[in-house]
PDB file of N, CA and C in Angstrom:
ATOM      1  N   MET A   1     -12.999 -18.225  13.471  1.00  0.00           N
ATOM      2  CA  MET A   1     -12.690 -16.848  13.793  1.00  0.00           C
ATOM      3  C   MET A   1     -11.380 -16.377  13.155  1.00  0.00           C
ATOM      4  N   PRO A   2     -10.310 -17.194  13.121  1.00  0.00           N
ATOM      5  CA  PRO A   2      -9.084 -16.726  12.468  1.00  0.00           C
ATOM      6  C   PRO A   2      -9.293 -16.389  10.987  1.00  0.00           C
ATOM      7  N   PHE A   3     -10.142 -17.179  10.291  1.00  0.00           N
ATOM      8  CA  PHE A   3     -10.396 -16.872   8.877  1.00  0.00           C
ATOM      9  C   PHE A   3     -11.083 -15.519   8.744  1.00  0.00           C
ATOM     10  N   TYR A   4     -12.050 -15.254   9.613  1.00  0.00           N
ATOM     11  CA  TYR A   4     -12.777 -13.984   9.611  1.00  0.00           C
ATOM     12  C   TYR A   4     -11.815 -12.824   9.852  1.00  0.00           C
ATOM     13  N   ASN A   5     -10.944 -12.951  10.861  1.00  0.00           N
ATOM     14  CA  ASN A   5      -9.958 -11.907  11.146  1.00  0.00           C
ATOM     15  C   ASN A   5      -8.988 -11.734   9.986  1.00  0.00           C
ATOM     16  N   SER A   6      -8.555 -12.838   9.396  1.00  0.00           N
ATOM     17  CA  SER A   6      -7.634 -12.761   8.259  1.00  0.00           C
ATOM     18  C   SER A   6      -8.271 -12.034   7.086  1.00  0.00           C
ATOM     19  N   LEU A   7      -9.529 -12.321   6.835  1.00  0.00           N
ATOM     20  CA  LEU A   7     -10.240 -11.674   5.734  1.00  0.00           C
ATOM     21  C   LEU A   7     -10.390 -10.174   5.992  1.00  0.00           C
ATOM     22  N   ILE A   8     -10.734  -9.818   7.214  1.00  0.00           N
ATOM     23  CA  ILE A   8     -10.857  -8.397   7.568  1.00  0.00           C
ATOM     24  C   ILE A   8      -9.510  -7.695   7.416  1.00  0.00           C
ATOM     25  N   VAL A   9      -8.448  -8.325   7.891  1.00  0.00           N
ATOM     26  CA  VAL A   9      -7.108  -7.745   7.767  1.00  0.00           C
ATOM     27  C   VAL A   9      -6.763  -7.523   6.305  1.00  0.00           C
ATOM     28  N   LEU A  10      -6.993  -8.527   5.492  1.00  0.00           N
ATOM     29  CA  LEU A  10      -6.671  -8.415   4.072  1.00  0.00           C
ATOM     30  C   LEU A  10      -7.440  -7.268   3.417  1.00  0.00           C
ATOM     31  N   VAL A  11      -8.732  -7.189   3.676  1.00  0.00           N
ATOM     32  CA  VAL A  11      -9.559  -6.128   3.079  1.00  0.00           C
ATOM     33  C   VAL A  11      -9.109  -4.753   3.577  1.00  0.00           C
ATOM     34  N   LEU A  12      -8.905  -4.619   4.888  1.00  0.00           N
ATOM     35  CA  LEU A  12      -8.495  -3.325   5.435  1.00  0.00           C
ATOM     36  C   LEU A  12      -7.125  -2.900   4.922  1.00  0.00           C
ATOM     37  N   LEU A  13      -6.175  -3.845   4.852  1.00  0.00           N
ATOM     38  CA  LEU A  13      -4.847  -3.491   4.356  1.00  0.00           C
ATOM     39  C   LEU A  13      -4.873  -3.153   2.871  1.00  0.00           C
ATOM     40  N   MET A  14      -5.719  -3.835   2.112  1.00  0.00           N
ATOM     41  CA  MET A  14      -5.833  -3.499   0.692  1.00  0.00           C
ATOM     42  C   MET A  14      -6.414  -2.092   0.530  1.00  0.00           C
ATOM     43  N   LEU A  15      -7.483  -1.795   1.256  1.00  0.00           N
ATOM     44  CA  LEU A  15      -8.077  -0.457   1.172  1.00  0.00           C
ATOM     45  C   LEU A  15      -7.101   0.613   1.663  1.00  0.00           C
ATOM     46  N   SER A  16      -6.395   0.312   2.748  1.00  0.00           N
ATOM     47  CA  SER A  16      -5.408   1.243   3.279  1.00  0.00           C
ATOM     48  C   SER A  16      -4.290   1.486   2.273  1.00  0.00           C
ATOM     49  N   GLY A  17      -3.765   0.415   1.719  1.00  0.00           N
ATOM     50  CA  GLY A  17      -2.681   0.542   0.746  1.00  0.00           C
ATOM     51  C   GLY A  17      -3.104   1.295  -0.496  1.00  0.00           C
ATOM     52  N   PHE A  18      -4.311   1.015  -0.984  1.00  0.00           N
ATOM     53  CA  PHE A  18      -4.793   1.721  -2.171  1.00  0.00           C
ATOM     54  C   PHE A  18      -5.042   3.200  -1.875  1.00  0.00           C
ATOM     55  N   ALA A  19      -5.574   3.509  -0.689  1.00  0.00           N
ATOM     56  CA  ALA A  19      -5.779   4.914  -0.320  1.00  0.00           C
ATOM     57  C   ALA A  19      -4.436   5.636  -0.218  1.00  0.00           C
ATOM     58  N   ASP A  20      -3.459   4.990   0.420  1.00  0.00           N
ATOM     59  CA  ASP A  20      -2.133   5.596   0.525  1.00  0.00           C
ATOM     60  C   ASP A  20      -1.481   5.748  -0.846  1.00  0.00           C
ATOM     61  N   SER A  21      -1.695   4.780  -1.719  1.00  0.00           N
ATOM     62  CA  SER A  21      -1.096   4.882  -3.053  1.00  0.00           C
ATOM     63  C   SER A  21      -1.689   6.064  -3.819  1.00  0.00           C
ATOM     64  N   LEU A  22      -2.985   6.323  -3.645  1.00  0.00           N
ATOM     65  CA  LEU A  22      -3.569   7.525  -4.249  1.00  0.00           C
ATOM     66  C   LEU A  22      -2.930   8.781  -3.660  1.00  0.00           C
ATOM     67  N   GLY A  23      -2.654   8.740  -2.357  1.00  0.00           N
ATOM     68  CA  GLY A  23      -1.950   9.855  -1.728  1.00  0.00           C
ATOM     69  C   GLY A  23      -0.598  10.093  -2.365  1.00  0.00           C
ATOM     70  N   PHE A  24       0.138   9.024  -2.641  1.00  0.00           N
ATOM     71  CA  PHE A  24       1.449   9.153  -3.284  1.00  0.00           C
ATOM     72  C   PHE A  24       1.331   9.648  -4.722  1.00  0.00           C
ATOM     73  N   VAL A  25       0.366   9.134  -5.453  1.00  0.00           N
ATOM     74  CA  VAL A  25       0.190   9.546  -6.851  1.00  0.00           C
ATOM     75  C   VAL A  25      -0.135  11.038  -6.924  1.00  0.00           C
ATOM     76  N   TYR A  26      -1.057  11.502  -6.090  1.00  0.00           N
ATOM     77  CA  TYR A  26      -1.396  12.930  -6.107  1.00  0.00           C
ATOM     78  C   TYR A  26      -0.267  13.787  -5.545  1.00  0.00           C
ATOM     79  N   ALA A  27       0.489  13.264  -4.593  1.00  0.00           N
ATOM     80  CA  ALA A  27       1.620  14.020  -4.049  1.00  0.00           C
ATOM     81  C   ALA A  27       2.661  14.301  -5.128  1.00  0.00           C
ATOM     82  N   SER A  28       2.823  13.371  -6.041  1.00  0.00           N
ATOM     83  CA  SER A  28       3.806  13.576  -7.109  1.00  0.00           C
ATOM     84  C   SER A  28       3.383  14.679  -8.076  1.00  0.00           C
ATOM     85  N   LYS A  29       2.133  15.116  -7.976  1.00  0.00           N
ATOM     86  CA  LYS A  29       1.612  16.152  -8.877  1.00  0.00           C
ATOM     87  C   LYS A  29       1.309  17.464  -8.150  1.00  0.00           C
ATOM     88  N   ILE A  30       1.741  17.589  -6.899  1.00  0.00           N
ATOM     89  CA  ILE A  30       1.440  18.789  -6.115  1.00  0.00           C
ATOM     90  C   ILE A  30       2.176  20.010  -6.665  1.00  0.00           C
ATOM     91  N   TRP A  31       3.474  19.853  -6.887  1.00  0.00           N
ATOM     92  CA  TRP A  31       4.277  20.991  -7.338  1.00  0.00           C
ATOM     93  C   TRP A  31       4.387  20.974  -8.847  1.00  0.00           C
ATOM     94  N   GLN A  32       3.863  22.008  -9.453  1.00  0.00           N
ATOM     95  CA  GLN A  32       3.923  22.192 -10.898  1.00  0.00           C
ATOM     96  C   GLN A  32       4.768  23.438 -11.178  1.00  0.00           C
ATOM     97  N   PRO A  33       5.204  23.628 -12.417  1.00  0.00           N
ATOM     98  CA  PRO A  33       6.047  24.796 -12.725  1.00  0.00           C
ATOM     99  C   PRO A  33       5.443  26.136 -12.297  1.00  0.00           C
ATOM    100  N   ASP A  34       4.125  26.247 -12.327  1.00  0.00           N
ATOM    101  CA  ASP A  34       3.499  27.513 -11.950  1.00  0.00           C
ATOM    102  C   ASP A  34       3.113  27.577 -10.470  1.00  0.00           C
ATOM    103  N   GLY A  35       3.518  26.597  -9.678  1.00  0.00           N
ATOM    104  CA  GLY A  35       3.280  26.654  -8.242  1.00  0.00           C
ATOM    105  C   GLY A  35       2.568  25.436  -7.683  1.00  0.00           C
ATOM    106  N   LEU A  36       2.054  25.628  -6.494  1.00  0.00           N
ATOM    107  CA  LEU A  36       1.395  24.561  -5.743  1.00  0.00           C
ATOM    108  C   LEU A  36      -0.027  24.351  -6.253  1.00  0.00           C
ATOM    109  N   LEU A  37      -0.389  23.103  -6.503  1.00  0.00           N
ATOM    110  CA  LEU A  37      -1.762  22.765  -6.874  1.00  0.00           C
ATOM    111  C   LEU A  37      -2.483  22.280  -5.620  1.00  0.00           C
ATOM    112  N   TRP A  38      -3.326  23.134  -5.077  1.00  0.00           N
ATOM    113  CA  TRP A  38      -4.012  22.837  -3.824  1.00  0.00           C
ATOM    114  C   TRP A  38      -4.945  21.642  -3.938  1.00  0.00           C
ATOM    115  N   THR A  39      -5.543  21.448  -5.103  1.00  0.00           N
ATOM    116  CA  THR A  39      -6.455  20.304  -5.254  1.00  0.00           C
ATOM    117  C   THR A  39      -5.694  18.991  -5.106  1.00  0.00           C
ATOM    118  N   ASN A  40      -4.507  18.915  -5.699  1.00  0.00           N
ATOM    119  CA  ASN A  40      -3.716  17.692  -5.562  1.00  0.00           C
ATOM    120  C   ASN A  40      -3.187  17.523  -4.146  1.00  0.00           C
ATOM    121  N   LEU A  41      -2.864  18.629  -3.486  1.00  0.00           N
ATOM    122  CA  LEU A  41      -2.447  18.563  -2.086  1.00  0.00           C
ATOM    123  C   LEU A  41      -3.583  18.008  -1.234  1.00  0.00           C
ATOM    124  N   GLY A  42      -4.797  18.498  -1.474  1.00  0.00           N
ATOM    125  CA  GLY A  42      -5.957  18.010  -0.728  1.00  0.00           C
ATOM    126  C   GLY A  42      -6.243  16.542  -0.990  1.00  0.00           C
ATOM    127  N   LYS A  43      -6.185  16.137  -2.260  1.00  0.00           N
ATOM    128  CA  LYS A  43      -6.426  14.731  -2.601  1.00  0.00           C
ATOM    129  C   LYS A  43      -5.362  13.829  -1.985  1.00  0.00           C
ATOM    130  N   SER A  44      -4.127  14.302  -1.999  1.00  0.00           N
ATOM    131  CA  SER A  44      -3.042  13.525  -1.403  1.00  0.00           C
ATOM    132  C   SER A  44      -3.256  13.364   0.098  1.00  0.00           C
ATOM    133  N   ALA A  45      -3.580  14.458   0.769  1.00  0.00           N
ATOM    134  CA  ALA A  45      -3.809  14.404   2.219  1.00  0.00           C
ATOM    135  C   ALA A  45      -4.997  13.511   2.563  1.00  0.00           C
ATOM    136  N   LEU A  46      -6.060  13.589   1.768  1.00  0.00           N
ATOM    137  CA  LEU A  46      -7.219  12.717   2.007  1.00  0.00           C
ATOM    138  C   LEU A  46      -6.849  11.248   1.830  1.00  0.00           C
ATOM    139  N   GLY A  47      -6.084  10.950   0.794  1.00  0.00           N
ATOM    140  CA  GLY A  47      -5.659   9.568   0.575  1.00  0.00           C
ATOM    141  C   GLY A  47      -4.864   9.039   1.748  1.00  0.00           C
ATOM    142  N   TRP A  48      -3.881   9.828   2.195  1.00  0.00           N
ATOM    143  CA  TRP A  48      -3.058   9.389   3.320  1.00  0.00           C
ATOM    144  C   TRP A  48      -3.852   9.324   4.617  1.00  0.00           C
ATOM    145  N   GLY A  49      -4.725  10.300   4.834  1.00  0.00           N
ATOM    146  CA  GLY A  49      -5.534  10.294   6.057  1.00  0.00           C
ATOM    147  C   GLY A  49      -6.442   9.082   6.133  1.00  0.00           C
ATOM    148  N   PHE A  50      -7.113   8.793   5.033  1.00  0.00           N
ATOM    149  CA  PHE A  50      -7.985   7.623   4.968  1.00  0.00           C
ATOM    150  C   PHE A  50      -7.161   6.343   5.097  1.00  0.00           C
ATOM    151  N   GLY A  51      -6.001   6.318   4.437  1.00  0.00           N
ATOM    152  CA  GLY A  51      -5.144   5.135   4.478  1.00  0.00           C
ATOM    153  C   GLY A  51      -4.643   4.816   5.874  1.00  0.00           C
ATOM    154  N   ILE A  52      -4.172   5.834   6.603  1.00  0.00           N
ATOM    155  CA  ILE A  52      -3.645   5.575   7.945  1.00  0.00           C
ATOM    156  C   ILE A  52      -4.763   5.206   8.909  1.00  0.00           C
ATOM    157  N   ALA A  53      -5.944   5.793   8.719  1.00  0.00           N
ATOM    158  CA  ALA A  53      -7.075   5.432   9.580  1.00  0.00           C
ATOM    159  C   ALA A  53      -7.433   3.957   9.403  1.00  0.00           C
ATOM    160  N   LEU A  54      -7.489   3.503   8.159  1.00  0.00           N
ATOM    161  CA  LEU A  54      -7.782   2.089   7.906  1.00  0.00           C
ATOM    162  C   LEU A  54      -6.667   1.189   8.428  1.00  0.00           C
ATOM    163  N   TYR A  55      -5.423   1.639   8.303  1.00  0.00           N
ATOM    164  CA  TYR A  55      -4.298   0.849   8.798  1.00  0.00           C
ATOM    165  C   TYR A  55      -4.391   0.680  10.314  1.00  0.00           C
ATOM    166  N   ILE A  56      -4.715   1.751  11.016  1.00  0.00           N
ATOM    167  CA  ILE A  56      -4.839   1.680  12.478  1.00  0.00           C
ATOM    168  C   ILE A  56      -5.953   0.718  12.875  1.00  0.00           C
ATOM    169  N   VAL A  57      -7.077   0.759  12.174  1.00  0.00           N
ATOM    170  CA  VAL A  57      -8.166  -0.184  12.455  1.00  0.00           C
ATOM    171  C   VAL A  57      -7.703  -1.613  12.178  1.00  0.00           C
ATOM    172  N   SER A  58      -6.940  -1.801  11.097  1.00  0.00           N
ATOM    173  CA  SER A  58      -6.483  -3.157  10.754  1.00  0.00           C
ATOM    174  C   SER A  58      -5.574  -3.742  11.827  1.00  0.00           C
ATOM    175  N   LEU A  59      -4.849  -2.879  12.546  1.00  0.00           N
ATOM    176  CA  LEU A  59      -3.938  -3.372  13.582  1.00  0.00           C
ATOM    177  C   LEU A  59      -4.672  -4.135  14.680  1.00  0.00           C
ATOM    178  N   ARG A  60      -5.904  -3.770  14.942  1.00  0.00           N
ATOM    179  CA  ARG A  60      -6.689  -4.502  15.947  1.00  0.00           C
ATOM    180  C   ARG A  60      -6.858  -5.961  15.528  1.00  0.00           C
ATOM    181  N   PHE A  61      -7.218  -6.171  14.277  1.00  0.00           N
ATOM    182  CA  PHE A  61      -7.444  -7.525  13.784  1.00  0.00           C
ATOM    183  C   PHE A  61      -6.125  -8.269  13.565  1.00  0.00           C
ATOM    184  N   ILE A  62      -5.075  -7.534  13.211  1.00  0.00           N
ATOM    185  CA  ILE A  62      -3.752  -8.148  13.085  1.00  0.00           C
ATOM    186  C   ILE A  62      -3.307  -8.673  14.444  1.00  0.00           C
ATOM    187  N   ALA A  63      -3.532  -7.885  15.495  1.00  0.00           N
ATOM    188  CA  ALA A  63      -3.165  -8.315  16.849  1.00  0.00           C
ATOM    189  C   ALA A  63      -3.949  -9.555  17.258  1.00  0.00           C
ATOM    190  N   ARG A  64      -5.221  -9.639  16.869  1.00  0.00           N
ATOM    191  CA  ARG A  64      -6.021 -10.832  17.177  1.00  0.00           C
ATOM    192  C   ARG A  64      -5.436 -12.085  16.537  1.00  0.00           C
ATOM    193  N   LEU A  65      -4.754 -11.898  15.412  1.00  0.00           N
ATOM    194  CA  LEU A  65      -4.119 -13.040  14.747  1.00  0.00           C
ATOM    195  C   LEU A  65      -2.781 -13.390  15.386  1.00  0.00           C
ATOM    196  N   GLY A  66      -2.346 -12.594  16.357  1.00  0.00           N
ATOM    197  CA  GLY A  66      -1.095 -12.865  17.050  1.00  0.00           C
ATOM    198  C   GLY A  66       0.131 -12.305  16.352  1.00  0.00           C
ATOM    199  N   VAL A  67      -0.063 -11.447  15.369  1.00  0.00           N
ATOM    200  CA  VAL A  67       1.068 -10.858  14.649  1.00  0.00           C
ATOM    201  C   VAL A  67       1.433  -9.556  15.345  1.00  0.00           C
ATOM    202  N   THR A  68       2.616  -9.530  15.963  1.00  0.00           N
ATOM    203  CA  THR A  68       3.053  -8.341  16.684  1.00  0.00           C
ATOM    204  C   THR A  68       4.281  -7.696  16.055  1.00  0.00           C
ATOM    205  N   SER A  69       4.834  -8.311  15.045  1.00  0.00           N
ATOM    206  CA  SER A  69       6.027  -7.796  14.392  1.00  0.00           C
ATOM    207  C   SER A  69       5.673  -6.631  13.471  1.00  0.00           C
ATOM    208  N   ALA A  70       6.311  -5.489  13.703  1.00  0.00           N
ATOM    209  CA  ALA A  70       6.067  -4.320  12.849  1.00  0.00           C
ATOM    210  C   ALA A  70       6.465  -4.604  11.404  1.00  0.00           C
ATOM    211  N   GLU A  71       7.505  -5.416  11.214  1.00  0.00           N
ATOM    212  CA  GLU A  71       7.945  -5.743   9.856  1.00  0.00           C
ATOM    213  C   GLU A  71       6.852  -6.476   9.088  1.00  0.00           C
ATOM    214  N   ILE A  72       6.237  -7.426   9.739  1.00  0.00           N
ATOM    215  CA  ILE A  72       5.185  -8.208   9.085  1.00  0.00           C
ATOM    216  C   ILE A  72       3.947  -7.349   8.878  1.00  0.00           C
ATOM    217  N   GLN A  73       3.605  -6.557   9.886  1.00  0.00           N
ATOM    218  CA  GLN A  73       2.417  -5.712   9.783  1.00  0.00           C
ATOM    219  C   GLN A  73       2.509  -4.754   8.604  1.00  0.00           C
ATOM    220  N   THR A  74       3.691  -4.218   8.364  1.00  0.00           N
ATOM    221  CA  THR A  74       3.824  -3.234   7.292  1.00  0.00           C
ATOM    222  C   THR A  74       4.156  -3.844   5.943  1.00  0.00           C
ATOM    223  N   ALA A  75       4.647  -5.060   5.897  1.00  0.00           N
ATOM    224  CA  ALA A  75       5.042  -5.661   4.615  1.00  0.00           C
ATOM    225  C   ALA A  75       3.851  -5.821   3.672  1.00  0.00           C
ATOM    226  N   VAL A  76       2.720  -6.268   4.196  1.00  0.00           N
ATOM    227  CA  VAL A  76       1.532  -6.428   3.347  1.00  0.00           C
ATOM    228  C   VAL A  76       1.065  -5.059   2.872  1.00  0.00           C
ATOM    229  N   TRP A  77       1.009  -4.102   3.783  1.00  0.00           N
ATOM    230  CA  TRP A  77       0.600  -2.746   3.410  1.00  0.00           C
ATOM    231  C   TRP A  77       1.525  -2.190   2.327  1.00  0.00           C
ATOM    232  N   PHE A  78       2.825  -2.393   2.500  1.00  0.00           N
ATOM    233  CA  PHE A  78       3.807  -1.883   1.543  1.00  0.00           C
ATOM    234  C   PHE A  78       3.588  -2.483   0.160  1.00  0.00           C
ATOM    235  N   ALA A  79       3.401  -3.786   0.110  1.00  0.00           N
ATOM    236  CA  ALA A  79       3.183  -4.451  -1.178  1.00  0.00           C
ATOM    237  C   ALA A  79       1.925  -3.916  -1.858  1.00  0.00           C
ATOM    238  N   VAL A  80       0.845  -3.782  -1.108  1.00  0.00           N
ATOM    239  CA  VAL A  80      -0.408  -3.275  -1.688  1.00  0.00           C
ATOM    240  C   VAL A  80      -0.243  -1.825  -2.136  1.00  0.00           C
ATOM    241  N   THR A  81       0.477  -1.033  -1.356  1.00  0.00           N
ATOM    242  CA  THR A  81       0.689   0.367  -1.720  1.00  0.00           C
ATOM    243  C   THR A  81       1.472   0.477  -3.023  1.00  0.00           C
ATOM    244  N   ILE A  82       2.517  -0.320  -3.166  1.00  0.00           N
ATOM    245  CA  ILE A  82       3.310  -0.309  -4.402  1.00  0.00           C
ATOM    246  C   ILE A  82       2.443  -0.722  -5.584  1.00  0.00           C
ATOM    247  N   ILE A  83       1.675  -1.777  -5.410  1.00  0.00           N
ATOM    248  CA  ILE A  83       0.786  -2.230  -6.492  1.00  0.00           C
ATOM    249  C   ILE A  83      -0.209  -1.123  -6.837  1.00  0.00           C
ATOM    250  N   GLY A  84      -0.750  -0.464  -5.827  1.00  0.00           N
ATOM    251  CA  GLY A  84      -1.696   0.619  -6.060  1.00  0.00           C
ATOM    252  C   GLY A  84      -1.082   1.780  -6.822  1.00  0.00           C
ATOM    253  N   VAL A  85       0.142   2.168  -6.464  1.00  0.00           N
ATOM    254  CA  VAL A  85       0.814   3.252  -7.187  1.00  0.00           C
ATOM    255  C   VAL A  85       0.984   2.874  -8.651  1.00  0.00           C
ATOM    256  N   VAL A  86       1.393   1.644  -8.891  1.00  0.00           N
ATOM    257  CA  VAL A  86       1.577   1.180 -10.274  1.00  0.00           C
ATOM    258  C   VAL A  86       0.251   1.210 -11.029  1.00  0.00           C
ATOM    259  N   ILE A  87      -0.815   0.751 -10.394  1.00  0.00           N
ATOM    260  CA  ILE A  87      -2.131   0.721 -11.050  1.00  0.00           C
ATOM    261  C   ILE A  87      -2.638   2.142 -11.310  1.00  0.00           C
ATOM    262  N   PHE A  88      -2.611   2.994 -10.284  1.00  0.00           N
ATOM    263  CA  PHE A  88      -3.187   4.329 -10.414  1.00  0.00           C
ATOM    264  C   PHE A  88      -2.342   5.257 -11.281  1.00  0.00           C
ATOM    265  N   ASN A  89      -1.046   5.024 -11.341  1.00  0.00           N
ATOM    266  CA  ASN A  89      -0.169   5.856 -12.151  1.00  0.00           C
ATOM    267  C   ASN A  89      -0.220   5.466 -13.631  1.00  0.00           C
ATOM    268  N   ARG A  90      -0.622   4.241 -13.903  1.00  0.00           N
ATOM    269  CA  ARG A  90      -0.835   3.734 -15.268  1.00  0.00           C
ATOM    270  C   ARG A  90       0.404   3.801 -16.152  1.00  0.00           C
ATOM    271  N   GLN A  91       1.577   3.619 -15.578  1.00  0.00           N
ATOM    272  CA  GLN A  91       2.784   3.678 -16.392  1.00  0.00           C
ATOM    273  C   GLN A  91       3.582   2.381 -16.383  1.00  0.00           C
ATOM    274  N   PHE A  92       3.125   1.394 -15.639  1.00  0.00           N
ATOM    275  CA  PHE A  92       3.883   0.150 -15.510  1.00  0.00           C
ATOM    276  C   PHE A  92       4.188  -0.473 -16.865  1.00  0.00           C
ATOM    277  N   PHE A  93       3.199  -0.501 -17.760  1.00  0.00           N
ATOM    278  CA  PHE A  93       3.399  -1.169 -19.042  1.00  0.00           C
ATOM    279  C   PHE A  93       4.246  -0.355 -20.010  1.00  0.00           C
ATOM    280  N   SER A  94       4.554   0.884 -19.648  1.00  0.00           N
ATOM    281  CA  SER A  94       5.468   1.669 -20.480  1.00  0.00           C
ATOM    282  C   SER A  94       6.915   1.545 -19.993  1.00  0.00           C
ATOM    283  N   TRP A  95       7.108   0.879 -18.844  1.00  0.00           N
ATOM    284  CA  TRP A  95       8.460   0.666 -18.345  1.00  0.00           C
ATOM    285  C   TRP A  95       9.180  -0.330 -19.243  1.00  0.00           C
ATOM    286  N   PRO A  96      10.521  -0.245 -19.290  1.00  0.00           N
ATOM    287  CA  PRO A  96      11.276  -1.293 -19.993  1.00  0.00           C
ATOM    288  C   PRO A  96      11.043  -2.652 -19.318  1.00  0.00           C
ATOM    289  N   ARG A  97      11.158  -3.701 -20.093  1.00  0.00           N
ATOM    290  CA  ARG A  97      10.879  -5.061 -19.614  1.00  0.00           C
ATOM    291  C   ARG A  97      11.705  -5.405 -18.371  1.00  0.00           C
ATOM    292  N   LEU A  98      12.968  -4.975 -18.321  1.00  0.00           N
ATOM    293  CA  LEU A  98      13.813  -5.283 -17.163  1.00  0.00           C
ATOM    294  C   LEU A  98      13.233  -4.677 -15.883  1.00  0.00           C
ATOM    295  N   GLU A  99      12.786  -3.427 -15.930  1.00  0.00           N
ATOM    296  CA  GLU A  99      12.209  -2.786 -14.756  1.00  0.00           C
ATOM    297  C   GLU A  99      10.900  -3.451 -14.345  1.00  0.00           C
ATOM    298  N   GLN A 100      10.108  -3.880 -15.312  1.00  0.00           N
ATOM    299  CA  GLN A 100       8.882  -4.614 -14.996  1.00  0.00           C
ATOM    300  C   GLN A 100       9.220  -5.913 -14.271  1.00  0.00           C
ATOM    301  N   THR A 101      10.223  -6.606 -14.770  1.00  0.00           N
ATOM    302  CA  THR A 101      10.634  -7.877 -14.167  1.00  0.00           C
ATOM    303  C   THR A 101      11.132  -7.662 -12.744  1.00  0.00           C
ATOM    304  N   VAL A 102      11.959  -6.643 -12.544  1.00  0.00           N
ATOM    305  CA  VAL A 102      12.477  -6.354 -11.205  1.00  0.00           C
ATOM    306  C   VAL A 102      11.330  -6.015 -10.253  1.00  0.00           C
ATOM    307  N   ALA A 103      10.370  -5.219 -10.703  1.00  0.00           N
ATOM    308  CA  ALA A 103       9.228  -4.856  -9.860  1.00  0.00           C
ATOM    309  C   ALA A 103       8.440  -6.093  -9.440  1.00  0.00           C
ATOM    310  N   VAL A 104       8.205  -6.986 -10.374  1.00  0.00           N
ATOM    311  CA  VAL A 104       7.479  -8.220 -10.055  1.00  0.00           C
ATOM    312  C   VAL A 104       8.291  -9.069  -9.084  1.00  0.00           C
ATOM    313  N   LEU A 105       9.592  -9.154  -9.299  1.00  0.00           N
ATOM    314  CA  LEU A 105      10.440  -9.943  -8.401  1.00  0.00           C
ATOM    315  C   LEU A 105      10.474  -9.358  -6.988  1.00  0.00           C
ATOM    316  N   VAL A 106      10.438  -8.041  -6.875  1.00  0.00           N
ATOM    317  CA  VAL A 106      10.385  -7.412  -5.548  1.00  0.00           C
ATOM    318  C   VAL A 106       9.106  -7.821  -4.823  1.00  0.00           C
ATOM    319  N   LEU A 107       7.986  -7.802  -5.525  1.00  0.00           N
ATOM    320  CA  LEU A 107       6.719  -8.221  -4.913  1.00  0.00           C
ATOM    321  C   LEU A 107       6.735  -9.702  -4.561  1.00  0.00           C
ATOM    322  N   VAL A 108       7.321 -10.512  -5.425  1.00  0.00           N
ATOM    323  CA  VAL A 108       7.456 -11.943  -5.117  1.00  0.00           C
ATOM    324  C   VAL A 108       8.331 -12.112  -3.881  1.00  0.00           C
ATOM    325  N   GLY A 109       9.397 -11.321  -3.789  1.00  0.00           N
ATOM    326  CA  GLY A 109      10.271 -11.373  -2.618  1.00  0.00           C
ATOM    327  C   GLY A 109       9.545 -10.996  -1.338  1.00  0.00           C
ATOM    328  N   LEU A 110       8.702  -9.978  -1.408  1.00  0.00           N
ATOM    329  CA  LEU A 110       7.898  -9.621  -0.234  1.00  0.00           C
ATOM    330  C   LEU A 110       6.965 -10.763   0.152  1.00  0.00           C
ATOM    331  N   GLY A 111       6.343 -11.369  -0.838  1.00  0.00           N
ATOM    332  CA  GLY A 111       5.485 -12.526  -0.567  1.00  0.00           C
ATOM    333  C   GLY A 111       6.266 -13.655   0.077  1.00  0.00           C
ATOM    334  N   TRP A 112       7.457 -13.902  -0.436  1.00  0.00           N
ATOM    335  CA  TRP A 112       8.331 -14.939   0.117  1.00  0.00           C
ATOM    336  C   TRP A 112       8.619 -14.660   1.593  1.00  0.00           C
ATOM    337  N   LEU A 113       8.980 -13.422   1.905  1.00  0.00           N
ATOM    338  CA  LEU A 113       9.275 -13.068   3.294  1.00  0.00           C
ATOM    339  C   LEU A 113       8.060 -13.236   4.193  1.00  0.00           C
ATOM    340  N   LEU A 114       6.899 -12.859   3.696  1.00  0.00           N
ATOM    341  CA  LEU A 114       5.683 -13.020   4.494  1.00  0.00           C
ATOM    342  C   LEU A 114       5.412 -14.480   4.809  1.00  0.00           C
ATOM    343  N   VAL A 115       5.569 -15.334   3.815  1.00  0.00           N
ATOM    344  CA  VAL A 115       5.322 -16.764   4.020  1.00  0.00           C
ATOM    345  C   VAL A 115       6.377 -17.370   4.937  1.00  0.00           C
ATOM    346  N   ARG A 116       7.625 -17.044   4.707  1.00  0.00           N
ATOM    347  CA  ARG A 116       8.719 -17.661   5.461  1.00  0.00           C
ATOM    348  C   ARG A 116       8.829 -17.167   6.901  1.00  0.00           C
ATOM    349  N   THR A 117       8.301 -15.972   7.174  1.00  0.00           N
ATOM    350  CA  THR A 117       8.424 -15.446   8.533  1.00  0.00           C
ATOM    351  C   THR A 117       7.195 -15.713   9.380  1.00  0.00           C
ATOM    352  N   GLY A 118       6.244 -16.453   8.835  1.00  0.00           N
ATOM    353  CA  GLY A 118       5.172 -16.956   9.670  1.00  0.00           C
ATOM    354  C   GLY A 118       3.848 -16.232   9.633  1.00  0.00           C
ATOM    355  N   VAL A 119       3.596 -15.439   8.632  1.00  0.00           N
ATOM    356  CA  VAL A 119       2.279 -14.785   8.566  1.00  0.00           C
ATOM    357  C   VAL A 119       1.263 -15.772   8.072  1.00  0.00           C
TER     358      VAL A 119
END
């Protein structure tokens, strides 16, 4: 049963993070020089709405695993959201090498914290 719950948590948090990352990507395109782009506002709101709904569902399975720390619960979501923004924005490979390295190290650091704090 713990493996089943872990798998559900991972899938739900990945979907939640990717939905939220789409919300962030479209939010960055809402305001244009000629005004508000309602389509991007709608896409952003849908991404965030879907993302938070999946996150709330994932909390049920996270609780079954005995994880009650808000820091741990959000760390996985945060890492997936950052990865999603990088993927959907398609600019990571145009960054200077130093910024790419720092971004990877930040994700490695999040992974380190997750492992060391007992997830």
